[in-house]
Amino acid sequence: MLKDADEVALHRGMDLVRRNYAASVERGRLTQAFVDERLELIRPTLRYEDFSDADIVVEAIFENMAAKKVAFGELDRICNPVRSWRRIPPRWTLTRSHLSRAGPTR
């Protein structure tokens, strides 16, 4: 699953994923068949609700604290509390409890 704020950003994100995979194929690190299989697994979405069955959610919002708070609030509301969340560390050092009203037990 890949979520972004709007269609333009979502398409830009998928294009970046495709370009990165293409570069790996060109360097001989991955086969095209492997890349094609992986691309089929990515489902672009604009809705947080689509993450309700996800086992792992990786947050990668680029240094926008307000957007991170919204994202974690929505994911707290939607995701099963036993699911695992990960985040790609920005320049700030944060814990999930700073971002989510539900706190670190979710």
Protein backbone atom coordinates (compact mmCIF):
# COMPACT_ATOMS: atom_id res chain seq x y z
CA MET A 1 0.00 0.00 0.00
CA LEU A 2 1.27 3.46 -0.84
CA LYS A 3 -0.73 6.48 0.34
CA ASP A 4 -0.25 10.09 -0.54
CA ALA A 5 -2.16 13.33 -0.14
CA ASP A 6 -3.50 13.66 -3.70
CA GLU A 7 -3.48 11.96 -7.11
CA VAL A 8 -0.54 13.99 -8.41
CA ALA A 9 1.65 13.12 -5.42
CA LEU A 10 0.52 9.49 -5.55
CA HIS A 11 1.49 9.18 -9.22
CA ARG A 12 4.80 10.92 -8.52
CA GLY A 13 5.49 8.44 -5.70
CA MET A 14 4.72 5.42 -7.87
CA ASP A 15 6.89 6.83 -10.65
CA LEU A 16 9.76 7.15 -8.17
CA VAL A 17 9.29 3.54 -7.06
CA ARG A 18 9.33 2.40 -10.70
CA ARG A 19 12.46 4.45 -11.48
CA ASN A 20 14.29 3.06 -8.46
CA TYR A 21 13.40 -0.50 -9.43
CA ALA A 22 14.40 0.18 -13.06
CA ALA A 23 17.81 1.41 -11.90
CA SER A 24 18.29 -1.80 -9.90
CA VAL A 25 17.41 -3.86 -12.96
CA GLU A 26 19.85 -1.85 -15.10
CA ARG A 27 22.64 -2.47 -12.58
CA GLY A 28 21.83 -6.19 -12.54
CA ARG A 29 20.84 -6.22 -8.88
CA LEU A 30 17.26 -7.34 -9.59
CA THR A 31 15.56 -9.14 -12.44
CA GLN A 32 12.69 -7.57 -14.31
CA ALA A 33 10.48 -10.52 -13.29
CA PHE A 34 11.23 -9.83 -9.61
CA VAL A 35 10.45 -6.13 -10.06
CA ASP A 36 7.20 -6.86 -11.90
CA GLU A 37 6.08 -9.14 -9.05
CA ARG A 38 6.88 -6.49 -6.44
CA LEU A 39 5.16 -3.69 -8.34
CA GLU A 40 2.00 -5.80 -8.51
CA LEU A 41 2.00 -5.89 -4.70
CA ILE A 42 1.94 -2.10 -4.30
CA ARG A 43 -1.56 -0.66 -4.14
CA PRO A 44 -1.67 3.13 -4.44
CA THR A 45 -4.38 4.77 -2.34
CA LEU A 46 -5.60 8.12 -1.09
CA ARG A 47 -7.49 6.61 1.86
CA TYR A 48 -6.21 5.75 5.33
CA GLU A 49 -9.03 3.21 5.60
CA ASP A 50 -7.21 0.98 3.14
CA PHE A 51 -4.62 0.29 5.85
CA SER A 52 -7.12 -1.34 8.20
CA ASP A 53 -5.86 -4.86 7.44
CA ALA A 54 -2.17 -4.01 7.15
CA ASP A 55 0.20 -5.97 9.38
CA ILE A 56 2.90 -3.28 9.24
CA VAL A 57 2.56 0.42 8.47
CA VAL A 58 5.70 2.42 7.68
CA GLU A 59 5.31 6.17 8.00
CA ALA A 60 7.57 8.22 5.75
CA ILE A 61 6.10 11.73 5.75
CA PHE A 62 8.90 14.14 4.95
CA GLU A 63 9.51 16.49 7.90
CA ASN A 64 5.97 17.83 8.28
CA MET A 65 4.93 17.53 11.91
CA ALA A 66 1.31 18.54 11.30
CA ALA A 67 0.93 15.91 8.56
CA LYS A 68 2.56 13.28 10.79
CA LYS A 69 0.09 14.03 13.60
CA VAL A 70 -2.85 13.71 11.21
CA ALA A 71 -1.49 10.45 9.80
CA PHE A 72 -0.92 8.85 13.20
CA GLY A 73 -4.32 10.01 14.41
CA GLU A 74 -6.02 8.44 11.39
CA LEU A 75 -4.01 5.24 11.69
CA ASP A 76 -4.80 5.02 15.42
CA ARG A 77 -8.48 5.25 14.51
CA ILE A 78 -8.33 2.69 11.70
CA CYS A 79 -5.64 0.11 12.40
CA ASN A 80 -5.85 -2.86 14.68
CA PRO A 81 -3.99 -1.93 17.90
CA VAL A 82 -1.80 -5.06 17.76
CA ARG A 83 -0.39 -4.14 14.35
CA SER A 84 3.18 -2.95 14.11
CA TRP A 85 4.08 0.58 13.05
CA ARG A 86 7.43 1.83 11.91
CA ARG A 87 8.62 5.22 10.87
CA ILE A 88 11.52 6.42 8.83
CA PRO A 89 13.38 8.76 11.19
CA PRO A 90 13.41 12.40 10.15
CA ARG A 91 15.85 14.96 11.48
CA TRP A 92 13.82 15.15 14.67
CA THR A 93 13.91 12.47 17.29
CA LEU A 94 10.33 11.53 18.05
CA THR A 95 8.51 8.63 19.52
CA ARG A 96 5.11 7.53 18.39
CA SER A 97 3.67 8.69 21.71
CA HIS A 98 4.49 12.28 20.75
CA LEU A 99 2.43 11.96 17.59
CA SER A 100 -0.57 9.95 18.67
CA ARG A 101 -3.29 10.70 21.17
CA ALA A 102 -3.74 6.95 21.72
CA GLY A 103 -0.22 6.78 23.13
CA PRO A 104 2.59 4.26 22.91
CA THR A 105 0.48 1.21 23.76
CA ARG A 106 -1.21 1.25 20.34
